[in-house]
């Protein structure tokens, strides 16, 4: 699809999304725990787009993007344990546990793979792990100003003042995930590459943008880390945008266009060329 045609299709999706009342979330018991989620089913599409938010983020941080995408694909967004109206879980908050919990929720909702995974910030790290652990269940990956392995230090390596500040600034749910970020990144690096699938990376232009808005000594921003991140997905399409870390709210048309492109690329050259 040409750039003008893609722009017009995204604009049409935005107009249609604004014309239809926003769907409501539901809270239901899954594996003995209350889970809040949003599902927009498209009866004529086999594409299933799965959204994973960042730390402290709720479904509404995706703005109008799920509603816009619901015009041409089935869409699923949810709250991880301890977010929104989803019940907190006693299970570890490492990426592998979170990915397995998400897969069980998707099966409960009868949403069948392969999926188009969309992850923002810390959710982007979880979706990288999902795609690498279960590549047969994933047809494309969209990373929205995502976090990558080795970007955050082990909590033990934070200055003690930073650990204290973080525990005061974040909820227990968020802090338990922060404690496992470095471990989750190592899980991602231990698995095979995923260059066979379409990957789109959306990057916010300001170099100071970080997944956790205030750097309290948590981040590795050295050259080795930058080189690692640059080399993770050599075939990915990277889009640099003048936006914000909450890109779905600031620039929903850019996020929607990236997901549409990933869906088309996963469908094959004939569809992508239309």
Protein backbone atom coordinates (compact mmCIF):
# COMPACT_ATOMS: atom_id res chain seq x y z
CA UNK A 1 0.00 0.00 0.00
CA UNK A 2 1.35 3.44 -0.91
CA UNK A 3 1.93 6.04 1.81
CA UNK A 4 -0.97 8.27 0.63
CA UNK A 5 -3.33 5.29 0.54
CA UNK A 6 -2.18 4.15 3.98
CA UNK A 7 -2.71 7.66 5.36
CA UNK A 8 -6.25 7.78 3.94
CA UNK A 9 -7.09 4.35 5.35
CA UNK A 10 -5.84 5.35 8.81
CA UNK A 11 -7.77 8.62 8.62
CA UNK A 12 -10.92 6.69 7.71
CA UNK A 13 -10.37 4.34 10.64
CA UNK A 14 -10.01 7.32 12.97
CA UNK A 15 -13.24 8.86 11.70
CA UNK A 16 -15.13 5.59 12.07
CA UNK A 17 -13.69 5.08 15.55
CA UNK A 18 -14.88 8.51 16.63
CA UNK A 19 -18.35 7.86 15.24
CA UNK A 20 -18.97 4.71 17.29
CA UNK A 21 -19.43 4.66 21.05
CA UNK A 22 -16.36 3.34 22.84
CA UNK A 23 -16.82 -0.29 23.93
CA UNK A 24 -16.87 -1.04 27.64
CA UNK A 25 -14.45 -3.22 29.58
CA UNK A 26 -15.65 -6.36 31.35
CA UNK A 27 -14.47 -7.95 34.58
CA UNK A 28 -14.66 -11.74 34.79
CA UNK A 29 -13.13 -14.59 36.72
CA UNK A 30 -10.26 -16.31 34.89
CA UNK A 31 -8.19 -18.97 36.66
CA UNK A 32 -9.84 -17.94 39.92
CA UNK A 33 -8.85 -14.29 39.61
CA UNK A 34 -10.80 -11.22 38.48
CA UNK A 35 -9.50 -9.86 35.18
CA UNK A 36 -10.58 -6.64 33.47
CA UNK A 37 -10.36 -6.61 29.69
CA UNK A 38 -11.63 -5.04 26.50
CA UNK A 39 -12.46 -7.11 23.42
CA UNK A 40 -13.65 -5.77 20.08
CA UNK A 41 -14.50 -8.69 17.80
CA UNK A 42 -14.41 -8.26 14.05
CA UNK A 43 -16.53 -11.01 12.48
CA UNK A 44 -14.88 -10.81 9.06
CA UNK A 45 -11.21 -10.67 10.09
CA UNK A 46 -8.89 -13.43 11.25
CA UNK A 47 -6.39 -10.90 12.62
CA UNK A 48 -6.20 -10.60 16.41
CA UNK A 49 -4.33 -7.57 17.79
CA UNK A 50 -3.24 -7.94 21.43
CA UNK A 51 -2.22 -4.86 23.44
CA UNK A 52 0.10 -4.93 26.46
CA UNK A 53 0.52 -1.70 28.42
CA UNK A 54 3.46 -0.34 30.34
CA UNK A 55 3.97 0.04 34.07
CA UNK A 56 1.31 2.15 35.80
CA UNK A 57 -0.65 2.20 32.53
CA UNK A 58 -4.30 1.32 32.17
CA UNK A 59 -6.35 0.42 29.10
CA UNK A 60 -7.33 4.06 28.56
CA UNK A 61 -3.66 4.92 27.86
CA UNK A 62 -4.18 3.30 24.45
CA UNK A 63 -6.64 6.11 23.70
CA UNK A 64 -8.63 5.64 20.50
CA UNK A 65 -6.20 3.17 18.92
CA UNK A 66 -8.03 -0.08 19.88
CA UNK A 67 -11.33 1.38 18.73
CA UNK A 68 -9.82 2.46 15.41
CA UNK A 69 -8.20 -0.94 14.84
CA UNK A 70 -11.47 -2.65 15.71
CA UNK A 71 -12.77 -1.52 12.33
CA UNK A 72 -10.57 -4.08 10.58
CA UNK A 73 -9.35 -6.61 13.16
CA UNK A 74 -10.32 -8.24 16.42
CA UNK A 75 -8.73 -6.28 19.26
CA UNK A 76 -7.89 -7.31 22.82
CA UNK A 77 -6.54 -5.17 25.67
CA UNK A 78 -6.48 -6.00 29.36
CA UNK A 79 -5.14 -5.10 32.76
CA UNK A 80 -2.38 -7.21 34.22
CA UNK A 81 -2.86 -8.35 37.84
CA UNK A 82 -3.02 -5.36 40.17
CA UNK A 83 -3.89 -2.80 37.46
CA UNK A 84 -7.32 -1.25 36.93
CA UNK A 85 -9.97 -3.67 38.17
CA UNK A 86 -7.81 -6.76 37.69
CA UNK A 87 -7.16 -8.57 40.94
CA UNK A 88 -3.56 -8.63 42.16
CA UNK A 89 -1.75 -11.95 41.99
CA UNK A 90 0.68 -13.61 44.37
CA UNK A 91 2.61 -15.11 41.45
CA UNK A 92 6.05 -13.69 40.55
CA UNK A 93 5.99 -10.59 38.33
CA UNK A 94 8.69 -11.68 35.92
CA UNK A 95 8.06 -11.64 32.20
CA UNK A 96 7.64 -15.39 31.77
CA UNK A 97 4.86 -15.52 34.36
CA UNK A 98 3.14 -12.49 32.83
CA UNK A 99 3.31 -13.99 29.33
CA UNK A 100 1.84 -17.29 30.51
CA UNK A 101 -0.97 -15.50 32.34
CA UNK A 102 -1.75 -13.51 29.20
CA UNK A 103 -1.85 -16.67 27.07
CA UNK A 104 -4.33 -18.25 29.47
CA UNK A 105 -6.54 -15.15 29.35
CA UNK A 106 -6.47 -15.21 25.54
CA UNK A 107 -7.49 -18.87 25.49
CA UNK A 108 -10.30 -18.12 27.95
CA UNK A 109 -11.54 -15.38 25.59
CA UNK A 110 -11.35 -17.85 22.68
CA UNK A 111 -8.92 -15.61 20.83
CA UNK A 112 -6.79 -17.88 18.68
CA UNK A 113 -3.21 -17.31 17.51
CA UNK A 114 -1.27 -16.22 15.59
CA UNK A 115 -1.47 -12.73 17.09
CA UNK A 116 -0.26 -9.26 16.20
CA UNK A 117 1.37 -8.21 19.47
CA UNK A 118 1.53 -4.53 20.42
CA UNK A 119 3.54 -3.53 23.50
CA UNK A 120 4.18 -0.12 25.03
CA UNK A 121 7.09 0.65 27.35
CA UNK A 122 7.53 -2.26 29.80
CA UNK A 123 4.72 -4.02 27.94
CA UNK A 124 7.01 -3.96 24.91
CA UNK A 125 9.57 -6.02 26.81
CA UNK A 126 6.89 -8.55 27.74
CA UNK A 127 5.72 -8.77 24.13
CA UNK A 128 9.30 -9.36 22.92
CA UNK A 129 9.47 -12.28 25.33
CA UNK A 130 6.07 -13.60 24.15
CA UNK A 131 7.19 -13.45 20.50
CA UNK A 132 10.51 -15.16 21.16
CA UNK A 133 9.07 -17.83 23.43
CA UNK A 134 6.12 -18.66 21.15
CA UNK A 135 7.03 -17.53 17.61
CA UNK A 136 4.44 -19.88 16.07
CA UNK A 137 1.73 -17.94 17.95
CA UNK A 138 2.83 -14.51 16.69
CA UNK A 139 2.54 -13.09 13.18
CA UNK A 140 3.86 -9.57 13.83
CA UNK A 141 5.22 -7.38 16.62
CA UNK A 142 4.76 -3.63 17.15
CA UNK A 143 6.88 -1.97 19.85
CA UNK A 144 5.64 1.45 20.97
CA UNK A 145 8.47 3.40 22.65
CA UNK A 146 9.35 0.08 24.22
CA UNK A 147 11.76 -1.04 26.87
CA UNK A 148 14.53 -3.43 25.80
CA UNK A 149 16.83 -5.86 27.62
CA UNK A 150 19.59 -4.38 29.77
CA UNK A 151 18.05 -0.90 29.78
CA UNK A 152 17.26 -1.19 33.50
CA UNK A 153 19.75 -2.37 36.12
CA UNK A 154 19.13 -5.03 38.71
CA UNK A 155 17.33 -3.49 41.65
CA UNK A 156 20.27 -4.56 43.82
CA UNK A 157 22.45 -2.21 41.79
CA UNK A 158 20.23 0.84 42.29
CA UNK A 159 21.63 3.36 44.77
CA UNK A 160 19.90 2.82 48.12
CA UNK A 161 18.32 6.26 47.83
CA UNK A 162 16.90 5.25 44.46
CA UNK A 163 15.42 2.04 45.84
CA UNK A 164 13.74 4.01 48.60
CA UNK A 165 12.46 6.66 46.18
CA UNK A 166 11.11 3.99 43.83
CA UNK A 167 9.27 2.15 46.58
CA UNK A 168 7.68 5.41 47.69
CA UNK A 169 6.80 6.55 44.14
CA UNK A 170 5.31 3.33 42.78
CA UNK A 171 2.60 0.97 43.93
CA UNK A 172 3.59 -2.46 45.21
CA UNK A 173 2.29 -3.96 41.94
CA UNK A 174 4.54 -1.73 39.82
CA UNK A 175 7.56 -2.16 42.08
CA UNK A 176 7.30 -5.96 41.93
CA UNK A 177 7.51 -5.69 38.13
CA UNK A 178 10.45 -3.25 38.31
CA UNK A 179 12.29 -5.74 40.53
CA UNK A 180 12.08 -8.30 37.70
CA UNK A 181 12.84 -6.12 34.65
CA UNK A 182 16.52 -7.11 34.40
CA UNK A 183 15.62 -10.78 34.83
CA UNK A 184 12.95 -10.48 32.13
CA UNK A 185 15.45 -8.87 29.78
CA UNK A 186 17.82 -11.82 30.29
CA UNK A 187 14.92 -14.16 29.42
CA UNK A 188 14.45 -12.29 26.14
CA UNK A 189 18.17 -12.50 25.27
CA UNK A 190 18.30 -16.23 26.08
CA UNK A 191 15.77 -17.03 23.35
CA UNK A 192 16.20 -17.13 19.59
CA UNK A 193 15.74 -14.19 17.26
CA UNK A 194 12.45 -13.36 15.53
CA UNK A 195 13.64 -11.72 12.32
CA UNK A 196 11.27 -13.90 10.30
CA UNK A 197 8.24 -11.88 11.43
CA UNK A 198 7.35 -8.25 10.65
CA UNK A 199 8.52 -5.95 13.46
CA UNK A 200 7.76 -2.24 13.68
CA UNK A 201 9.52 -0.07 16.28
CA UNK A 202 8.03 3.31 17.17
CA UNK A 203 10.59 5.55 18.83
CA UNK A 204 9.96 8.92 20.41
CA UNK A 205 12.41 11.49 19.05
CA UNK A 206 13.52 13.14 22.33
CA UNK A 207 16.63 11.27 23.51
CA UNK A 208 15.66 11.84 27.14
CA UNK A 209 12.47 9.77 26.81
CA UNK A 210 12.53 6.76 29.13
CA UNK A 211 10.09 4.01 29.98
CA UNK A 212 9.97 5.10 33.62
CA UNK A 213 9.41 8.88 33.41
CA UNK A 214 11.93 9.80 36.14
CA UNK A 215 15.39 8.24 36.03
CA UNK A 216 16.21 7.59 39.66
CA UNK A 217 19.43 5.68 38.99
CA UNK A 218 17.66 2.70 37.42
CA UNK A 219 18.78 2.93 33.80
CA UNK A 220 21.81 1.70 31.94
CA UNK A 221 22.40 4.28 29.23
CA UNK A 222 25.96 3.32 28.28
CA UNK A 223 27.21 2.63 24.76
CA UNK A 224 27.14 -1.16 25.24
CA UNK A 225 23.43 -1.02 26.07
CA UNK A 226 22.69 1.24 23.10
CA UNK A 227 24.59 -1.10 20.77
CA UNK A 228 22.70 -4.09 22.16
CA UNK A 229 19.32 -2.44 21.58
CA UNK A 230 20.27 -1.34 18.05
CA UNK A 231 21.32 -4.90 17.16
CA UNK A 232 18.32 -6.76 18.55
CA UNK A 233 16.03 -6.44 15.52
CA UNK A 234 18.14 -5.60 12.46
CA UNK A 235 15.28 -6.14 10.01
CA UNK A 236 12.70 -4.13 11.95
CA UNK A 237 11.08 -1.06 10.47
CA UNK A 238 11.85 1.87 12.78
CA UNK A 239 9.64 4.96 12.83
CA UNK A 240 10.96 8.00 14.73
CA UNK A 241 8.15 10.33 15.75
CA UNK A 242 7.85 13.75 17.37
CA UNK A 243 5.50 12.54 20.07
CA UNK A 244 5.73 11.58 23.74
CA UNK A 245 6.28 8.41 25.72
CA UNK A 246 2.48 8.01 25.80
CA UNK A 247 2.51 7.83 22.02
CA UNK A 248 -0.95 6.27 21.65
CA UNK A 249 -2.46 9.32 23.33
CA UNK A 250 -0.25 11.95 21.67
CA UNK A 251 -0.05 10.44 18.17
CA UNK A 252 -2.75 7.78 17.79
CA UNK A 253 -2.60 7.97 13.99
CA UNK A 254 1.08 6.96 14.03
CA UNK A 255 0.44 3.98 16.30
CA UNK A 256 -2.61 2.90 14.29
CA UNK A 257 -0.69 3.17 11.01
CA UNK A 258 2.17 1.06 12.39
CA UNK A 259 -0.22 -1.71 13.44
CA UNK A 260 -2.01 -1.62 10.09
CA UNK A 261 1.34 -1.92 8.33
CA UNK A 262 2.34 -4.87 10.52
CA UNK A 263 -0.94 -6.63 9.75
CA UNK A 264 -0.45 -6.07 6.02
CA UNK A 265 3.19 -7.19 6.10
CA UNK A 266 2.19 -10.38 7.94
CA UNK A 267 -0.45 -11.09 5.27
CA UNK A 268 2.17 -11.12 2.53
CA UNK A 269 3.56 -8.96 -0.28
CA UNK A 270 0.34 -8.90 -2.30
CA UNK A 271 -1.65 -7.35 0.57
CA UNK A 272 1.13 -4.95 1.56
CA UNK A 273 1.37 -3.67 -2.01
CA UNK A 274 -2.30 -2.76 -2.35
